[in-house]
Amino acid sequence: MIRDFSTAIPERVTARLGSWEEIVEVDVSLIPAGVHLQILSLMGDRSAGDKISYDTLLTIAAAVCAPQHPQVGKEWMQNNCTLPSVDAFCALVFERLAATAWKGTRTDKDDTTKNG
């Protein structure tokens, strides 16, 4: 039996970031688990109304872009993007993460060594 989890990939969503000739296209339909975990760590224990610093937004945006565009880091974002575009990009990222979030009940505290 083969259980194919690759079919859970959602419809492709591409975002364009940058300015003038420094534009990159980033596929945000599937954000790698490592990046997702990094974002969760950066967000910490926030309430829904808590504000996020622009430094954190730049870090999140760079983390999402890095797997496809390793040259895109915080410095690239600062030099090639406006703060409103970074804000809008991160809003899209959060929307995609919420849409594709695993709805399981596992937590880091779960003991995976127990049987049954």
C-alpha atoms as a PDB file:
ATOM      1  CA  MET A   1       0.000   0.000   0.000  1.00  0.00           C
ATOM      2  CA  ILE A   2       1.227   3.483  -0.812  1.00  0.00           C
ATOM      3  CA  ARG A   3      -0.135   6.487   1.033  1.00  0.00           C
ATOM      4  CA  ASP A   4       0.564   9.546  -1.096  1.00  0.00           C
ATOM      5  CA  PHE A   5       0.757  12.725   0.965  1.00  0.00           C
ATOM      6  CA  SER A   6       2.136  14.765  -1.927  1.00  0.00           C
ATOM      7  CA  THR A   7      -1.446  15.199  -3.133  1.00  0.00           C
ATOM      8  CA  ALA A   8      -2.102  17.556  -0.197  1.00  0.00           C
ATOM      9  CA  ILE A   9      -0.251  20.375  -1.977  1.00  0.00           C
ATOM     10  CA  PRO A  10      -2.675  23.286  -2.447  1.00  0.00           C
ATOM     11  CA  GLU A  11      -3.271  25.363  -5.564  1.00  0.00           C
ATOM     12  CA  ARG A  12      -0.193  27.357  -6.615  1.00  0.00           C
ATOM     13  CA  VAL A  13       0.007  30.923  -5.321  1.00  0.00           C
ATOM     14  CA  THR A  14       2.898  33.089  -6.508  1.00  0.00           C
ATOM     15  CA  ALA A  15       3.935  36.421  -5.016  1.00  0.00           C
ATOM     16  CA  ARG A  16       6.223  38.979  -6.636  1.00  0.00           C
ATOM     17  CA  LEU A  17       8.537  41.029  -4.447  1.00  0.00           C
ATOM     18  CA  GLY A  18      11.120  43.674  -5.133  1.00  0.00           C
ATOM     19  CA  SER A  19      11.510  46.767  -7.214  1.00  0.00           C
ATOM     20  CA  TRP A  20      12.667  47.727 -10.676  1.00  0.00           C
ATOM     21  CA  GLU A  21      15.019  44.999 -11.894  1.00  0.00           C
ATOM     22  CA  GLU A  22      15.364  43.272  -8.516  1.00  0.00           C
ATOM     23  CA  ILE A  23      12.123  41.294  -8.593  1.00  0.00           C
ATOM     24  CA  VAL A  24      11.695  37.716  -7.402  1.00  0.00           C
ATOM     25  CA  GLU A  25       8.716  35.414  -7.713  1.00  0.00           C
ATOM     26  CA  VAL A  26       8.034  33.268  -4.674  1.00  0.00           C
ATOM     27  CA  ASP A  27       5.711  30.269  -4.632  1.00  0.00           C
ATOM     28  CA  VAL A  28       3.868  30.559  -1.308  1.00  0.00           C
ATOM     29  CA  SER A  29       1.501  27.665  -1.921  1.00  0.00           C
ATOM     30  CA  LEU A  30       3.724  25.259  -0.043  1.00  0.00           C
ATOM     31  CA  ILE A  31       5.845  26.721   2.745  1.00  0.00           C
ATOM     32  CA  PRO A  32       8.379  24.127   3.934  1.00  0.00           C
ATOM     33  CA  ALA A  33       7.863  22.689   7.425  1.00  0.00           C
ATOM     34  CA  GLY A  34      11.184  24.100   8.633  1.00  0.00           C
ATOM     35  CA  VAL A  35      10.191  27.616   7.605  1.00  0.00           C
ATOM     36  CA  HIS A  36       6.746  27.145   9.161  1.00  0.00           C
ATOM     37  CA  LEU A  37       8.362  26.101  12.458  1.00  0.00           C
ATOM     38  CA  GLN A  38      10.742  29.082  12.267  1.00  0.00           C
ATOM     39  CA  ILE A  39       7.769  31.419  11.831  1.00  0.00           C
ATOM     40  CA  LEU A  40       5.958  29.831  14.774  1.00  0.00           C
ATOM     41  CA  SER A  41       9.078  30.335  16.890  1.00  0.00           C
ATOM     42  CA  LEU A  42       9.370  33.989  15.823  1.00  0.00           C
ATOM     43  CA  MET A  43       5.716  34.619  16.598  1.00  0.00           C
ATOM     44  CA  GLY A  44       5.943  33.146  20.109  1.00  0.00           C
ATOM     45  CA  ASP A  45       2.900  33.408  22.332  1.00  0.00           C
ATOM     46  CA  ARG A  46       1.045  36.304  20.749  1.00  0.00           C
ATOM     47  CA  SER A  47      -2.580  37.233  21.074  1.00  0.00           C
ATOM     48  CA  ALA A  48      -4.543  37.938  17.915  1.00  0.00           C
ATOM     49  CA  GLY A  49      -4.278  41.723  18.355  1.00  0.00           C
ATOM     50  CA  ASP A  50      -0.571  41.873  19.167  1.00  0.00           C
ATOM     51  CA  LYS A  51       1.519  43.894  16.750  1.00  0.00           C
ATOM     52  CA  ILE A  52       4.535  42.361  15.019  1.00  0.00           C
ATOM     53  CA  SER A  53       7.696  44.429  14.598  1.00  0.00           C
ATOM     54  CA  TYR A  54       8.903  45.200  11.090  1.00  0.00           C
ATOM     55  CA  ASP A  55      12.182  43.488  11.944  1.00  0.00           C
ATOM     56  CA  THR A  56      10.213  40.290  12.635  1.00  0.00           C
ATOM     57  CA  LEU A  57       8.222  40.748   9.412  1.00  0.00           C
ATOM     58  CA  LEU A  58      11.459  41.157   7.447  1.00  0.00           C
ATOM     59  CA  THR A  59      12.832  37.991   9.060  1.00  0.00           C
ATOM     60  CA  ILE A  60       9.664  36.051   8.217  1.00  0.00           C
ATOM     61  CA  ALA A  61       9.581  37.316   4.623  1.00  0.00           C
ATOM     62  CA  ALA A  62      13.245  36.455   4.120  1.00  0.00           C
ATOM     63  CA  ALA A  63      12.738  32.976   5.620  1.00  0.00           C
ATOM     64  CA  VAL A  64       9.873  32.251   3.216  1.00  0.00           C
ATOM     65  CA  CYS A  65      11.876  33.454   0.205  1.00  0.00           C
ATOM     66  CA  ALA A  66      15.196  31.785   1.110  1.00  0.00           C
ATOM     67  CA  PRO A  67      14.430  28.202  -0.017  1.00  0.00           C
ATOM     68  CA  GLN A  68      13.668  29.441  -3.550  1.00  0.00           C
ATOM     69  CA  HIS A  69      15.912  32.528  -3.589  1.00  0.00           C
ATOM     70  CA  PRO A  70      18.888  32.152  -1.215  1.00  0.00           C
ATOM     71  CA  GLN A  71      20.069  35.674  -2.071  1.00  0.00           C
ATOM     72  CA  VAL A  72      16.908  37.158  -0.562  1.00  0.00           C
ATOM     73  CA  GLY A  73      17.562  38.009   3.073  1.00  0.00           C
ATOM     74  CA  LYS A  74      16.618  40.826   5.409  1.00  0.00           C
ATOM     75  CA  GLU A  75      19.133  43.175   3.770  1.00  0.00           C
ATOM     76  CA  TRP A  76      17.732  42.399   0.297  1.00  0.00           C
ATOM     77  CA  MET A  77      14.227  43.073   1.626  1.00  0.00           C
ATOM     78  CA  GLN A  78      15.318  46.392   3.149  1.00  0.00           C
ATOM     79  CA  ASN A  79      16.965  47.484  -0.116  1.00  0.00           C
ATOM     80  CA  ASN A  80      14.352  46.257  -2.599  1.00  0.00           C
ATOM     81  CA  CYS A  81      10.958  46.326  -0.887  1.00  0.00           C
ATOM     82  CA  THR A  82       8.731  48.862   0.780  1.00  0.00           C
ATOM     83  CA  LEU A  83       7.432  48.204   4.282  1.00  0.00           C
ATOM     84  CA  PRO A  84       3.827  48.032   3.011  1.00  0.00           C
ATOM     85  CA  SER A  85       4.845  45.376   0.448  1.00  0.00           C
ATOM     86  CA  VAL A  86       6.627  43.321   3.146  1.00  0.00           C
ATOM     87  CA  ASP A  87       3.574  43.706   5.387  1.00  0.00           C
ATOM     88  CA  ALA A  88       1.231  42.565   2.600  1.00  0.00           C
ATOM     89  CA  PHE A  89       3.536  39.656   1.690  1.00  0.00           C
ATOM     90  CA  CYS A  90       3.589  38.455   5.305  1.00  0.00           C
ATOM     91  CA  ALA A  91      -0.199  38.768   5.486  1.00  0.00           C
ATOM     92  CA  LEU A  92      -0.390  36.472   2.447  1.00  0.00           C
ATOM     93  CA  VAL A  93       2.084  34.064   4.093  1.00  0.00           C
ATOM     94  CA  PHE A  94      -0.011  33.957   7.287  1.00  0.00           C
ATOM     95  CA  GLU A  95      -3.135  33.390   5.204  1.00  0.00           C
ATOM     96  CA  ARG A  96      -1.463  30.495   3.348  1.00  0.00           C
ATOM     97  CA  LEU A  97      -0.163  28.969   6.590  1.00  0.00           C
ATOM     98  CA  ALA A  98      -3.637  29.146   8.130  1.00  0.00           C
ATOM     99  CA  ALA A  99      -5.203  27.615   5.003  1.00  0.00           C
ATOM    100  CA  THR A 100      -2.750  24.716   4.906  1.00  0.00           C
ATOM    101  CA  ALA A 101      -2.206  24.223   8.643  1.00  0.00           C
ATOM    102  CA  TRP A 102      -2.304  20.710   9.942  1.00  0.00           C
ATOM    103  CA  LYS A 103      -5.422  20.227  12.005  1.00  0.00           C
ATOM    104  CA  GLY A 104      -3.981  17.391  14.118  1.00  0.00           C
ATOM    105  CA  THR A 105      -3.641  17.300  17.859  1.00  0.00           C
ATOM    106  CA  ARG A 106       0.085  16.600  18.187  1.00  0.00           C
ATOM    107  CA  THR A 107       2.216  18.936  20.277  1.00  0.00           C
ATOM    108  CA  ASP A 108       5.927  18.963  21.017  1.00  0.00           C
ATOM    109  CA  LYS A 109       5.073  17.515  24.420  1.00  0.00           C
ATOM    110  CA  ASP A 110       3.543  14.355  22.926  1.00  0.00           C
ATOM    111  CA  ASP A 111       5.566  11.219  23.602  1.00  0.00           C
ATOM    112  CA  THR A 112       6.015   9.478  20.261  1.00  0.00           C
ATOM    113  CA  THR A 113       7.668   6.458  21.877  1.00  0.00           C
ATOM    114  CA  LYS A 114       4.470   5.170  23.502  1.00  0.00           C
ATOM    115  CA  ASN A 115       2.579   2.365  21.816  1.00  0.00           C
ATOM    116  CA  GLY A 116      -1.197   2.488  21.539  1.00  0.00           C
END
